[in-house]
N, C-alpha and C. Protein backbone atom coordinates (compact mmCIF):
# COMPACT_ATOMS: atom_id res chain seq x y z
N MET A 1 4.77 -0.60 -12.43
CA MET A 1 4.89 0.03 -13.72
C MET A 1 6.20 0.79 -13.76
N PRO A 2 7.25 0.23 -14.32
CA PRO A 2 8.56 0.83 -14.26
C PRO A 2 8.67 2.07 -15.11
N ARG A 3 9.78 2.84 -14.90
CA ARG A 3 9.97 4.08 -15.63
C ARG A 3 10.14 3.83 -17.12
N GLY A 4 10.61 2.67 -17.51
CA GLY A 4 10.81 2.36 -18.92
C GLY A 4 9.60 1.75 -19.56
N HIS A 5 8.42 1.95 -19.00
CA HIS A 5 7.18 1.38 -19.51
C HIS A 5 7.00 1.73 -20.98
N LEU A 6 6.53 0.75 -21.77
CA LEU A 6 6.37 0.92 -23.20
C LEU A 6 5.47 2.11 -23.50
N ALA A 7 5.93 2.99 -24.36
CA ALA A 7 5.18 4.20 -24.67
C ALA A 7 3.91 3.86 -25.44
N ALA A 8 2.84 4.62 -25.17
CA ALA A 8 1.59 4.44 -25.88
C ALA A 8 1.26 5.74 -26.60
N THR A 9 0.46 5.64 -27.64
CA THR A 9 0.06 6.83 -28.36
C THR A 9 -0.98 7.58 -27.54
N PRO A 10 -1.15 8.89 -27.75
CA PRO A 10 -2.18 9.65 -27.02
C PRO A 10 -3.55 9.04 -27.19
N LEU A 11 -3.84 8.51 -28.39
CA LEU A 11 -5.16 7.90 -28.61
C LEU A 11 -5.33 6.68 -27.73
N THR A 12 -4.24 5.87 -27.63
CA THR A 12 -4.31 4.69 -26.76
C THR A 12 -4.55 5.09 -25.32
N LEU A 13 -3.88 6.16 -24.86
CA LEU A 13 -4.06 6.63 -23.49
C LEU A 13 -5.50 7.04 -23.25
N ARG A 14 -6.09 7.77 -24.22
CA ARG A 14 -7.46 8.23 -24.03
C ARG A 14 -8.41 7.04 -23.95
N ARG A 15 -8.20 6.07 -24.83
CA ARG A 15 -9.08 4.90 -24.81
C ARG A 15 -8.93 4.12 -23.52
N SER A 16 -7.65 3.96 -23.08
CA SER A 16 -7.44 3.17 -21.86
C SER A 16 -8.08 3.85 -20.66
N ARG A 17 -8.01 5.19 -20.61
CA ARG A 17 -8.60 5.88 -19.48
C ARG A 17 -10.11 5.76 -19.48
N VAL A 18 -10.72 5.83 -20.67
CA VAL A 18 -12.17 5.64 -20.75
C VAL A 18 -12.55 4.25 -20.27
N GLY A 19 -11.76 3.25 -20.67
CA GLY A 19 -12.05 1.89 -20.24
C GLY A 19 -11.90 1.73 -18.74
N LEU A 20 -10.87 2.39 -18.16
CA LEU A 20 -10.66 2.29 -16.72
C LEU A 20 -11.83 2.88 -15.95
N VAL A 21 -12.34 4.00 -16.42
CA VAL A 21 -13.47 4.63 -15.74
C VAL A 21 -14.66 3.70 -15.70
N GLY A 22 -14.82 2.91 -16.76
CA GLY A 22 -15.98 2.04 -16.84
C GLY A 22 -15.84 0.76 -16.04
N THR A 23 -14.57 0.32 -15.78
CA THR A 23 -14.41 -0.98 -15.17
C THR A 23 -13.82 -0.94 -13.77
N MET A 24 -13.15 0.15 -13.39
CA MET A 24 -12.52 0.20 -12.09
C MET A 24 -13.56 0.23 -10.97
N ALA A 25 -13.32 -0.56 -9.95
CA ALA A 25 -14.17 -0.52 -8.77
C ALA A 25 -13.45 0.27 -7.68
N ARG A 26 -12.49 -0.35 -7.05
CA ARG A 26 -11.76 0.32 -5.96
C ARG A 26 -10.32 0.60 -6.40
N VAL A 27 -9.91 1.84 -6.28
CA VAL A 27 -8.57 2.25 -6.69
C VAL A 27 -7.90 2.96 -5.52
N LEU A 28 -6.66 2.59 -5.26
CA LEU A 28 -5.88 3.20 -4.19
C LEU A 28 -4.89 4.18 -4.81
N HIS A 29 -5.00 5.45 -4.42
CA HIS A 29 -4.10 6.50 -4.91
C HIS A 29 -3.13 6.87 -3.79
N TYR A 30 -1.87 7.11 -4.13
CA TYR A 30 -0.88 7.51 -3.14
C TYR A 30 -0.01 8.62 -3.70
N ARG A 31 0.37 9.57 -2.83
CA ARG A 31 1.09 10.76 -3.27
C ARG A 31 2.15 11.16 -2.24
N LEU A 32 3.23 11.76 -2.74
CA LEU A 32 4.30 12.29 -1.90
C LEU A 32 4.43 13.78 -2.17
N TYR A 33 4.63 14.54 -1.10
CA TYR A 33 4.73 16.00 -1.21
C TYR A 33 6.02 16.49 -0.57
N GLY A 34 6.66 17.47 -1.24
CA GLY A 34 7.82 18.14 -0.64
C GLY A 34 9.08 17.32 -0.59
N LEU A 35 9.20 16.31 -1.46
CA LEU A 35 10.41 15.49 -1.49
C LEU A 35 11.48 16.20 -2.33
N PRO A 36 12.69 16.37 -1.80
CA PRO A 36 13.75 17.00 -2.60
C PRO A 36 14.00 16.23 -3.89
N GLU A 37 14.30 16.97 -4.96
CA GLU A 37 14.47 16.36 -6.28
C GLU A 37 15.54 15.28 -6.28
N HIS A 38 16.62 15.47 -5.51
CA HIS A 38 17.71 14.50 -5.55
C HIS A 38 17.35 13.19 -4.83
N ARG A 39 16.19 13.15 -4.17
CA ARG A 39 15.76 11.93 -3.49
C ARG A 39 14.84 11.07 -4.37
N LEU A 40 14.42 11.59 -5.49
CA LEU A 40 13.42 10.90 -6.31
C LEU A 40 13.93 9.55 -6.82
N GLU A 41 15.17 9.52 -7.28
CA GLU A 41 15.70 8.26 -7.80
C GLU A 41 15.67 7.16 -6.74
N GLN A 42 16.01 7.51 -5.52
CA GLN A 42 15.99 6.53 -4.44
C GLN A 42 14.57 6.05 -4.17
N VAL A 43 13.59 6.95 -4.23
CA VAL A 43 12.21 6.55 -4.01
C VAL A 43 11.73 5.63 -5.13
N HIS A 44 12.12 5.90 -6.36
CA HIS A 44 11.79 5.00 -7.46
C HIS A 44 12.36 3.60 -7.19
N GLU A 45 13.58 3.55 -6.70
CA GLU A 45 14.20 2.26 -6.39
C GLU A 45 13.46 1.55 -5.27
N GLN A 46 13.00 2.30 -4.28
CA GLN A 46 12.26 1.70 -3.17
C GLN A 46 10.93 1.13 -3.65
N PHE A 47 10.27 1.81 -4.57
CA PHE A 47 9.04 1.27 -5.14
C PHE A 47 9.32 0.01 -5.95
N ASP A 48 10.42 0.00 -6.69
CA ASP A 48 10.78 -1.20 -7.45
C ASP A 48 11.00 -2.38 -6.50
N GLU A 49 11.65 -2.12 -5.37
CA GLU A 49 11.88 -3.18 -4.38
C GLU A 49 10.57 -3.66 -3.78
N LEU A 50 9.68 -2.71 -3.45
CA LEU A 50 8.39 -3.09 -2.89
C LEU A 50 7.61 -3.96 -3.87
N ALA A 51 7.67 -3.63 -5.15
CA ALA A 51 6.92 -4.38 -6.16
C ALA A 51 7.37 -5.84 -6.24
N CYS A 52 8.65 -6.09 -5.89
CA CYS A 52 9.21 -7.43 -6.04
C CYS A 52 9.26 -8.23 -4.74
N VAL A 53 8.90 -7.61 -3.61
CA VAL A 53 9.13 -8.25 -2.32
C VAL A 53 8.08 -9.30 -1.98
N ARG A 54 6.94 -9.29 -2.68
CA ARG A 54 5.86 -10.24 -2.38
C ARG A 54 5.00 -10.41 -3.62
N ALA A 55 4.08 -11.38 -3.56
CA ALA A 55 3.11 -11.57 -4.64
C ALA A 55 1.92 -10.65 -4.38
N TRP A 56 1.56 -9.85 -5.37
CA TRP A 56 0.46 -8.90 -5.25
C TRP A 56 -0.75 -9.42 -6.00
N ARG A 57 -1.92 -9.33 -5.38
CA ARG A 57 -3.15 -9.61 -6.11
C ARG A 57 -3.55 -8.41 -6.96
N CYS A 58 -3.29 -7.21 -6.44
CA CYS A 58 -3.48 -6.02 -7.24
C CYS A 58 -2.28 -5.87 -8.17
N ALA A 59 -2.31 -4.86 -9.02
CA ALA A 59 -1.12 -4.58 -9.83
C ALA A 59 0.03 -4.18 -8.92
N LYS A 60 1.25 -4.40 -9.37
CA LYS A 60 2.40 -4.04 -8.55
C LYS A 60 2.46 -2.52 -8.36
N PRO A 61 2.79 -2.07 -7.16
CA PRO A 61 2.90 -0.63 -6.92
C PRO A 61 3.97 0.01 -7.82
N TRP A 62 3.71 1.22 -8.27
CA TRP A 62 4.63 1.96 -9.12
C TRP A 62 4.51 3.44 -8.75
N ILE A 63 5.43 4.24 -9.24
CA ILE A 63 5.42 5.65 -8.90
C ILE A 63 5.80 6.47 -10.14
N ALA A 64 5.22 7.63 -10.26
CA ALA A 64 5.53 8.56 -11.35
C ALA A 64 6.03 9.86 -10.74
N SER A 65 7.02 10.45 -11.39
CA SER A 65 7.58 11.72 -10.92
C SER A 65 8.19 12.45 -12.11
N SER A 66 8.87 13.54 -11.82
CA SER A 66 9.53 14.30 -12.88
C SER A 66 10.67 13.50 -13.51
N GLN A 67 11.09 12.40 -12.87
CA GLN A 67 12.16 11.57 -13.42
C GLN A 67 11.64 10.41 -14.25
N SER A 68 10.33 10.24 -14.33
CA SER A 68 9.76 9.16 -15.12
C SER A 68 10.05 9.38 -16.61
N ARG A 69 10.20 8.27 -17.35
CA ARG A 69 10.49 8.35 -18.78
C ARG A 69 9.42 7.68 -19.63
N GLY A 70 8.56 6.87 -19.05
CA GLY A 70 7.47 6.27 -19.80
C GLY A 70 6.41 7.32 -20.12
N LEU A 71 5.79 7.23 -21.28
CA LEU A 71 4.83 8.25 -21.70
C LEU A 71 3.64 8.32 -20.74
N PHE A 72 3.10 7.17 -20.36
CA PHE A 72 1.94 7.19 -19.46
C PHE A 72 2.29 7.86 -18.14
N GLU A 73 3.44 7.46 -17.54
CA GLU A 73 3.84 8.02 -16.26
C GLU A 73 4.08 9.53 -16.37
N MET A 74 4.74 9.95 -17.44
CA MET A 74 5.01 11.38 -17.63
C MET A 74 3.72 12.18 -17.73
N GLU A 75 2.78 11.69 -18.53
CA GLU A 75 1.51 12.40 -18.71
C GLU A 75 0.67 12.38 -17.45
N TYR A 76 0.65 11.23 -16.78
CA TYR A 76 -0.11 11.12 -15.54
C TYR A 76 0.41 12.13 -14.51
N PHE A 77 1.73 12.16 -14.32
CA PHE A 77 2.30 13.06 -13.32
C PHE A 77 2.10 14.52 -13.72
N ARG A 78 2.28 14.84 -14.99
CA ARG A 78 2.13 16.22 -15.44
C ARG A 78 0.71 16.73 -15.18
N HIS A 79 -0.29 15.93 -15.55
CA HIS A 79 -1.68 16.36 -15.34
C HIS A 79 -2.00 16.47 -13.86
N LEU A 80 -1.54 15.50 -13.06
CA LEU A 80 -1.85 15.52 -11.63
C LEU A 80 -1.17 16.70 -10.94
N LYS A 81 0.06 17.01 -11.33
CA LYS A 81 0.76 18.13 -10.70
C LYS A 81 0.08 19.45 -11.07
N ASN A 82 -0.41 19.55 -12.29
CA ASN A 82 -1.16 20.76 -12.67
C ASN A 82 -2.42 20.91 -11.83
N GLU A 83 -3.01 19.78 -11.47
CA GLU A 83 -4.24 19.79 -10.68
C GLU A 83 -3.97 20.02 -9.20
N VAL A 84 -2.95 19.35 -8.66
CA VAL A 84 -2.70 19.37 -7.22
C VAL A 84 -1.85 20.57 -6.81
N GLY A 85 -0.84 20.88 -7.61
CA GLY A 85 0.04 22.00 -7.26
C GLY A 85 1.49 21.61 -7.23
N PRO A 86 2.39 22.59 -7.12
CA PRO A 86 3.83 22.34 -7.25
C PRO A 86 4.44 21.52 -6.12
N ARG A 87 3.77 21.38 -4.99
CA ARG A 87 4.34 20.61 -3.87
C ARG A 87 4.33 19.11 -4.15
N LEU A 88 3.54 18.67 -5.13
CA LEU A 88 3.48 17.24 -5.45
C LEU A 88 4.83 16.79 -6.01
N SER A 89 5.40 15.76 -5.41
CA SER A 89 6.71 15.25 -5.83
C SER A 89 6.62 13.95 -6.61
N ALA A 90 5.67 13.11 -6.28
CA ALA A 90 5.53 11.81 -6.93
C ALA A 90 4.15 11.26 -6.59
N ALA A 91 3.66 10.36 -7.44
CA ALA A 91 2.32 9.80 -7.21
C ALA A 91 2.14 8.53 -8.03
N GLY A 92 1.15 7.75 -7.63
CA GLY A 92 0.81 6.53 -8.36
C GLY A 92 -0.53 6.02 -7.90
N PHE A 93 -0.98 4.92 -8.47
CA PHE A 93 -2.24 4.31 -8.07
C PHE A 93 -2.22 2.84 -8.45
N VAL A 94 -3.04 2.06 -7.77
CA VAL A 94 -3.22 0.65 -8.13
C VAL A 94 -4.70 0.30 -8.02
N LYS A 95 -5.15 -0.56 -8.90
CA LYS A 95 -6.50 -1.09 -8.82
C LYS A 95 -6.49 -2.28 -7.87
N MET A 96 -7.35 -2.23 -6.85
CA MET A 96 -7.39 -3.30 -5.86
C MET A 96 -8.08 -4.54 -6.41
N ALA A 97 -7.72 -5.69 -5.81
CA ALA A 97 -8.26 -6.96 -6.30
C ALA A 97 -8.76 -7.81 -5.14
N GLY A 98 -9.33 -7.17 -4.12
CA GLY A 98 -9.98 -7.91 -3.05
C GLY A 98 -9.07 -8.38 -1.94
N ASP A 99 -7.83 -7.89 -1.87
CA ASP A 99 -6.91 -8.30 -0.81
C ASP A 99 -6.57 -7.08 0.04
N GLU A 100 -7.09 -7.05 1.26
CA GLU A 100 -6.85 -5.91 2.14
C GLU A 100 -5.39 -5.77 2.54
N THR A 101 -4.65 -6.88 2.53
CA THR A 101 -3.24 -6.77 2.88
C THR A 101 -2.47 -5.98 1.82
N ASP A 102 -2.87 -6.06 0.56
CA ASP A 102 -2.25 -5.24 -0.49
C ASP A 102 -2.35 -3.76 -0.11
N ALA A 103 -3.57 -3.32 0.19
CA ALA A 103 -3.81 -1.91 0.52
C ALA A 103 -3.05 -1.51 1.78
N LEU A 104 -3.04 -2.37 2.77
CA LEU A 104 -2.42 -2.02 4.05
C LEU A 104 -0.90 -1.95 3.92
N ILE A 105 -0.31 -2.84 3.16
CA ILE A 105 1.15 -2.81 2.99
C ILE A 105 1.58 -1.54 2.25
N ILE A 106 0.81 -1.13 1.26
CA ILE A 106 1.12 0.13 0.57
C ILE A 106 0.96 1.32 1.52
N THR A 107 -0.08 1.28 2.35
CA THR A 107 -0.31 2.36 3.31
C THR A 107 0.84 2.45 4.31
N ILE A 108 1.28 1.33 4.83
CA ILE A 108 2.40 1.31 5.76
C ILE A 108 3.67 1.82 5.07
N PHE A 109 3.85 1.43 3.83
CA PHE A 109 5.02 1.87 3.06
C PHE A 109 5.02 3.39 2.90
N MET A 110 3.86 3.97 2.61
CA MET A 110 3.77 5.43 2.48
C MET A 110 4.02 6.12 3.81
N ARG A 111 3.52 5.53 4.88
CA ARG A 111 3.81 6.07 6.22
C ARG A 111 5.32 6.06 6.49
N ASP A 112 5.98 4.95 6.12
CA ASP A 112 7.41 4.83 6.36
C ASP A 112 8.21 5.82 5.52
N LEU A 113 7.78 6.07 4.27
CA LEU A 113 8.47 7.07 3.45
C LEU A 113 8.34 8.46 4.07
N SER A 114 7.16 8.76 4.61
CA SER A 114 6.94 10.04 5.27
C SER A 114 7.90 10.21 6.45
N ALA A 115 8.08 9.14 7.22
CA ALA A 115 8.99 9.21 8.37
C ALA A 115 10.45 9.28 7.93
N GLU A 116 10.80 8.49 6.92
CA GLU A 116 12.20 8.42 6.48
C GLU A 116 12.70 9.74 5.92
N TYR A 117 11.85 10.41 5.11
CA TYR A 117 12.29 11.63 4.42
C TYR A 117 11.79 12.90 5.09
N GLY A 118 10.99 12.77 6.14
CA GLY A 118 10.46 13.94 6.82
C GLY A 118 9.54 14.76 5.93
N ILE A 119 8.66 14.08 5.18
CA ILE A 119 7.78 14.73 4.22
C ILE A 119 6.32 14.37 4.52
N SER A 120 5.43 14.91 3.69
CA SER A 120 4.02 14.56 3.77
C SER A 120 3.69 13.55 2.68
N THR A 121 2.89 12.56 3.03
CA THR A 121 2.37 11.60 2.05
C THR A 121 0.88 11.43 2.30
N SER A 122 0.19 10.92 1.30
CA SER A 122 -1.25 10.71 1.47
C SER A 122 -1.70 9.44 0.78
N ILE A 123 -2.79 8.89 1.30
CA ILE A 123 -3.46 7.73 0.73
C ILE A 123 -4.91 8.12 0.48
N LEU A 124 -5.38 7.91 -0.75
CA LEU A 124 -6.77 8.15 -1.10
C LEU A 124 -7.38 6.83 -1.53
N ASP A 125 -8.36 6.37 -0.77
CA ASP A 125 -9.00 5.06 -1.01
C ASP A 125 -10.49 5.23 -0.79
N GLU A 126 -11.14 5.92 -1.72
CA GLU A 126 -12.51 6.38 -1.51
C GLU A 126 -13.53 5.26 -1.34
N ASP A 127 -13.21 4.06 -1.79
CA ASP A 127 -14.16 2.95 -1.67
C ASP A 127 -13.77 1.97 -0.56
N HIS A 128 -12.88 2.40 0.34
CA HIS A 128 -12.52 1.55 1.47
C HIS A 128 -13.76 1.32 2.33
N PRO A 129 -14.00 0.09 2.79
CA PRO A 129 -15.20 -0.19 3.59
C PRO A 129 -15.25 0.55 4.92
N ILE A 130 -14.10 1.02 5.42
CA ILE A 130 -14.06 1.76 6.68
C ILE A 130 -13.80 3.23 6.37
N ALA A 131 -14.73 4.09 6.76
CA ALA A 131 -14.69 5.50 6.36
C ALA A 131 -13.40 6.20 6.80
N LYS A 132 -12.91 5.91 8.01
CA LYS A 132 -11.75 6.64 8.52
C LYS A 132 -10.45 6.26 7.81
N LEU A 133 -10.49 5.21 6.98
CA LEU A 133 -9.30 4.81 6.23
C LEU A 133 -9.37 5.23 4.76
N ARG A 134 -10.37 6.02 4.40
CA ARG A 134 -10.51 6.43 2.99
C ARG A 134 -9.56 7.55 2.60
N HIS A 135 -9.12 8.33 3.55
CA HIS A 135 -8.18 9.41 3.28
C HIS A 135 -7.24 9.54 4.47
N LEU A 136 -5.99 9.21 4.24
CA LEU A 136 -4.99 9.27 5.31
C LEU A 136 -3.85 10.19 4.89
N ASP A 137 -3.49 11.11 5.76
CA ASP A 137 -2.34 11.99 5.55
C ASP A 137 -1.29 11.69 6.60
N PHE A 138 -0.04 11.62 6.16
CA PHE A 138 1.06 11.38 7.08
C PHE A 138 2.04 12.55 7.01
N ARG A 139 2.47 13.00 8.17
CA ARG A 139 3.48 14.04 8.27
C ARG A 139 4.56 13.55 9.21
N PHE A 140 5.76 13.39 8.71
CA PHE A 140 6.86 12.84 9.51
C PHE A 140 6.46 11.48 10.11
N GLY A 141 5.67 10.71 9.36
CA GLY A 141 5.31 9.37 9.79
C GLY A 141 4.12 9.27 10.73
N ARG A 142 3.49 10.40 11.04
CA ARG A 142 2.34 10.40 11.95
C ARG A 142 1.13 11.00 11.25
N LEU A 143 -0.04 10.66 11.76
CA LEU A 143 -1.27 11.28 11.29
C LEU A 143 -1.35 12.72 11.80
N PRO A 144 -2.13 13.60 11.17
CA PRO A 144 -2.23 14.98 11.62
C PRO A 144 -2.63 15.11 13.10
N SER A 145 -3.37 14.14 13.60
CA SER A 145 -3.77 14.17 15.01
C SER A 145 -2.61 13.86 15.95
N GLY A 146 -1.51 13.36 15.39
CA GLY A 146 -0.39 12.93 16.21
C GLY A 146 -0.39 11.44 16.50
N HIS A 147 -1.50 10.77 16.18
CA HIS A 147 -1.59 9.33 16.41
C HIS A 147 -0.79 8.57 15.34
N SER A 148 -0.47 7.34 15.67
CA SER A 148 0.18 6.47 14.70
C SER A 148 -0.86 5.75 13.85
N LEU A 149 -0.44 5.21 12.73
CA LEU A 149 -1.34 4.41 11.89
C LEU A 149 -1.88 3.22 12.66
N GLU A 150 -1.03 2.61 13.48
CA GLU A 150 -1.46 1.44 14.26
C GLU A 150 -2.60 1.78 15.22
N ASP A 151 -2.63 3.02 15.72
CA ASP A 151 -3.73 3.44 16.59
C ASP A 151 -5.06 3.39 15.84
N VAL A 152 -5.04 3.78 14.57
CA VAL A 152 -6.26 3.79 13.76
C VAL A 152 -6.70 2.37 13.43
N LEU A 153 -5.72 1.48 13.26
CA LEU A 153 -6.02 0.10 12.86
C LEU A 153 -6.34 -0.82 14.03
N ALA A 154 -6.23 -0.32 15.25
CA ALA A 154 -6.21 -1.18 16.43
C ALA A 154 -7.48 -1.99 16.66
N LYS A 155 -8.61 -1.58 16.12
CA LYS A 155 -9.87 -2.20 16.53
C LYS A 155 -10.30 -3.42 15.72
N ARG A 156 -9.56 -3.76 14.69
CA ARG A 156 -10.00 -4.91 13.89
C ARG A 156 -8.83 -5.63 13.26
N PRO A 157 -8.95 -6.95 13.09
CA PRO A 157 -7.92 -7.68 12.35
C PRO A 157 -8.10 -7.48 10.85
N VAL A 158 -7.05 -7.75 10.11
CA VAL A 158 -7.10 -7.74 8.65
C VAL A 158 -7.16 -9.20 8.20
N ILE A 159 -8.09 -9.51 7.32
CA ILE A 159 -8.31 -10.89 6.90
C ILE A 159 -7.81 -11.08 5.47
N LYS A 160 -7.01 -12.11 5.28
CA LYS A 160 -6.52 -12.48 3.94
C LYS A 160 -6.97 -13.91 3.66
N LYS A 161 -7.60 -14.13 2.53
CA LYS A 161 -8.07 -15.46 2.14
C LYS A 161 -7.13 -16.04 1.09
N VAL A 162 -6.60 -17.22 1.39
CA VAL A 162 -5.68 -17.90 0.47
C VAL A 162 -6.10 -19.35 0.38
N GLU A 163 -6.41 -19.80 -0.82
CA GLU A 163 -6.78 -21.20 -1.06
C GLU A 163 -7.90 -21.65 -0.12
N GLY A 164 -8.87 -20.77 0.10
CA GLY A 164 -10.01 -21.11 0.91
C GLY A 164 -9.80 -21.00 2.40
N GLU A 165 -8.57 -20.68 2.83
CA GLU A 165 -8.26 -20.53 4.25
C GLU A 165 -8.15 -19.06 4.62
N ARG A 166 -8.55 -18.74 5.85
CA ARG A 166 -8.46 -17.36 6.33
C ARG A 166 -7.22 -17.19 7.20
N ILE A 167 -6.46 -16.13 6.89
CA ILE A 167 -5.34 -15.73 7.74
C ILE A 167 -5.71 -14.40 8.35
N LEU A 168 -5.63 -14.30 9.67
CA LEU A 168 -5.96 -13.06 10.36
C LEU A 168 -4.68 -12.37 10.81
N PHE A 169 -4.57 -11.09 10.51
CA PHE A 169 -3.43 -10.28 10.93
C PHE A 169 -3.92 -9.22 11.92
N TYR A 170 -3.25 -9.13 13.05
CA TYR A 170 -3.65 -8.21 14.12
C TYR A 170 -2.60 -7.11 14.27
N PRO A 171 -2.98 -5.84 14.13
CA PRO A 171 -2.03 -4.73 14.29
C PRO A 171 -1.43 -4.72 15.69
N PRO A 172 -0.26 -4.10 15.85
CA PRO A 172 0.41 -4.09 17.17
C PRO A 172 -0.45 -3.54 18.30
N ALA A 173 -1.31 -2.59 18.03
CA ALA A 173 -2.12 -2.00 19.11
C ALA A 173 -3.40 -2.78 19.38
N PHE A 174 -3.64 -3.87 18.64
CA PHE A 174 -4.87 -4.66 18.83
C PHE A 174 -4.82 -5.40 20.16
N ARG A 175 -5.97 -5.43 20.84
CA ARG A 175 -6.07 -6.16 22.11
C ARG A 175 -7.16 -7.22 22.00
N LEU A 176 -6.79 -8.45 22.28
CA LEU A 176 -7.78 -9.53 22.25
C LEU A 176 -8.82 -9.34 23.33
N HIS A 177 -8.38 -8.84 24.48
CA HIS A 177 -9.29 -8.58 25.60
C HIS A 177 -8.98 -7.19 26.14
N SER A 178 -9.94 -6.59 26.77
CA SER A 178 -9.79 -5.22 27.25
C SER A 178 -8.65 -5.07 28.24
N MET A 179 -8.33 -6.14 28.98
CA MET A 179 -7.29 -6.07 29.99
C MET A 179 -5.93 -6.53 29.46
N SER A 180 -5.87 -7.06 28.24
CA SER A 180 -4.60 -7.55 27.72
C SER A 180 -3.74 -6.41 27.21
N PRO A 181 -2.44 -6.44 27.42
CA PRO A 181 -1.56 -5.36 26.96
C PRO A 181 -1.36 -5.45 25.45
N PRO A 182 -1.17 -4.32 24.80
CA PRO A 182 -0.90 -4.35 23.36
C PRO A 182 0.48 -4.94 23.09
N SER A 183 0.64 -5.53 21.91
CA SER A 183 1.93 -6.09 21.52
C SER A 183 2.70 -5.07 20.69
N ALA A 184 4.00 -5.21 20.67
CA ALA A 184 4.83 -4.33 19.83
C ALA A 184 4.97 -4.89 18.42
N GLU A 185 4.41 -6.07 18.18
CA GLU A 185 4.57 -6.73 16.89
C GLU A 185 3.21 -7.05 16.26
N TRP A 186 3.25 -7.39 14.99
CA TRP A 186 2.05 -7.87 14.30
C TRP A 186 1.82 -9.33 14.67
N ALA A 187 0.58 -9.66 14.96
CA ALA A 187 0.21 -11.05 15.22
C ALA A 187 -0.49 -11.62 14.00
N TYR A 188 -0.37 -12.93 13.82
CA TYR A 188 -1.11 -13.60 12.74
C TYR A 188 -1.63 -14.93 13.26
N ALA A 189 -2.77 -15.34 12.71
CA ALA A 189 -3.42 -16.56 13.20
C ALA A 189 -4.00 -17.34 12.03
N LEU A 190 -3.77 -18.66 12.05
CA LEU A 190 -4.38 -19.59 11.10
C LEU A 190 -4.22 -21.00 11.64
N TYR A 191 -5.15 -21.86 11.30
CA TYR A 191 -5.14 -23.25 11.76
C TYR A 191 -5.00 -23.35 13.28
N GLY A 192 -5.54 -22.39 14.01
CA GLY A 192 -5.44 -22.42 15.46
C GLY A 192 -4.09 -22.00 16.00
N ILE A 193 -3.19 -21.60 15.11
CA ILE A 193 -1.86 -21.14 15.51
C ILE A 193 -1.85 -19.62 15.58
N ARG A 194 -1.25 -19.08 16.61
CA ARG A 194 -1.10 -17.63 16.73
C ARG A 194 0.36 -17.32 16.99
N ALA A 195 0.93 -16.43 16.18
CA ALA A 195 2.34 -16.10 16.32
C ALA A 195 2.55 -14.62 16.01
N TYR A 196 3.80 -14.17 16.14
CA TYR A 196 4.10 -12.75 16.00
C TYR A 196 5.29 -12.53 15.07
N ALA A 197 5.31 -11.35 14.45
CA ALA A 197 6.43 -10.95 13.60
C ALA A 197 6.58 -9.43 13.70
N PRO A 198 7.80 -8.91 13.47
CA PRO A 198 8.02 -7.47 13.64
C PRO A 198 7.21 -6.58 12.70
N THR A 199 6.96 -7.04 11.46
CA THR A 199 6.24 -6.23 10.48
C THR A 199 5.13 -7.05 9.84
N LEU A 200 4.20 -6.36 9.17
CA LEU A 200 3.13 -7.06 8.47
C LEU A 200 3.69 -7.91 7.33
N LEU A 201 4.68 -7.41 6.62
CA LEU A 201 5.28 -8.19 5.53
C LEU A 201 5.85 -9.50 6.06
N GLU A 202 6.56 -9.44 7.17
CA GLU A 202 7.13 -10.66 7.75
C GLU A 202 6.05 -11.58 8.28
N ALA A 203 5.01 -11.01 8.88
CA ALA A 203 3.90 -11.84 9.37
C ALA A 203 3.22 -12.56 8.21
N GLU A 204 3.03 -11.86 7.09
CA GLU A 204 2.41 -12.49 5.92
C GLU A 204 3.29 -13.61 5.39
N GLN A 205 4.59 -13.37 5.29
CA GLN A 205 5.50 -14.39 4.77
C GLN A 205 5.49 -15.64 5.64
N GLU A 206 5.52 -15.44 6.97
CA GLU A 206 5.53 -16.59 7.88
C GLU A 206 4.20 -17.34 7.82
N ALA A 207 3.10 -16.61 7.75
CA ALA A 207 1.79 -17.26 7.68
C ALA A 207 1.65 -18.08 6.40
N LEU A 208 2.15 -17.55 5.29
CA LEU A 208 2.07 -18.29 4.03
C LEU A 208 2.94 -19.55 4.05
N LYS A 209 4.06 -19.48 4.77
CA LYS A 209 4.89 -20.68 4.93
C LYS A 209 4.13 -21.76 5.70
N ILE A 210 3.44 -21.35 6.77
CA ILE A 210 2.65 -22.31 7.55
C ILE A 210 1.54 -22.89 6.69
N LEU A 211 0.86 -22.03 5.94
CA LEU A 211 -0.22 -22.49 5.07
C LEU A 211 0.30 -23.51 4.06
N LYS A 212 1.46 -23.23 3.48
CA LYS A 212 2.05 -24.15 2.52
C LYS A 212 2.42 -25.47 3.19
N GLY A 213 2.95 -25.39 4.41
CA GLY A 213 3.30 -26.60 5.14
C GLY A 213 2.10 -27.48 5.43
N PHE A 214 0.99 -26.88 5.86
CA PHE A 214 -0.22 -27.66 6.10
C PHE A 214 -0.77 -28.22 4.80
N GLY A 215 -0.58 -27.50 3.72
CA GLY A 215 -1.01 -28.01 2.41
C GLY A 215 -0.28 -29.26 2.02
N HIS A 216 1.02 -29.32 2.30
CA HIS A 216 1.81 -30.52 2.01
C HIS A 216 1.36 -31.69 2.90
N LEU A 217 1.03 -31.40 4.15
CA LEU A 217 0.57 -32.46 5.06
C LEU A 217 -0.74 -33.08 4.59
N GLY A 218 -1.59 -32.21 4.02
CA GLY A 218 -2.89 -32.70 3.57
C GLY A 218 -2.88 -33.31 2.20
N ALA A 219 -1.74 -33.18 1.49
CA ALA A 219 -1.67 -33.68 0.09
C ALA A 219 -1.60 -35.20 0.09
């Protein structure tokens, strides 16, 4: 949802919010705290890049801040800042559409912003099937406990279903066997193939290429 989003009337906003309350199932909220004002434009640009870097099943990620110019974004940020407090620098949300990789890529992105700018960020995902992932806070890229996000994700693969096929993504700290060493990269598996990539985004891109290749073979 870009900063130039088409303005809506207050009545339209009220109606749309009522409709969202009635139809939304799982919504992922993300927030940034303590970001210097002169960094906001760069963060908006980073969100624009994230929105275009892959195909999203959920709505494309967007961000609202004091620099937003669309009526919805301005009103959303104003109300949320009044509720949360002056430390809030930017925020947004997306309605999930059944793809765990969407949620995880946004979560990793928020972790990376926390590390890059030395700020606090948070993820609120109250309907996440795993309780420990429903509320995540990052400070300088780490969880309050000092652990990394990968430590929290280590015990299970993330499953993405595409065209009836399952792609499994394994976090860097995941161990196939208790005695096997953890990898420094993300692993992905499909069609009996297991490979590695430096990031989840790259692992997803490579896995989708393989899936497309097998699709051509079967055509």
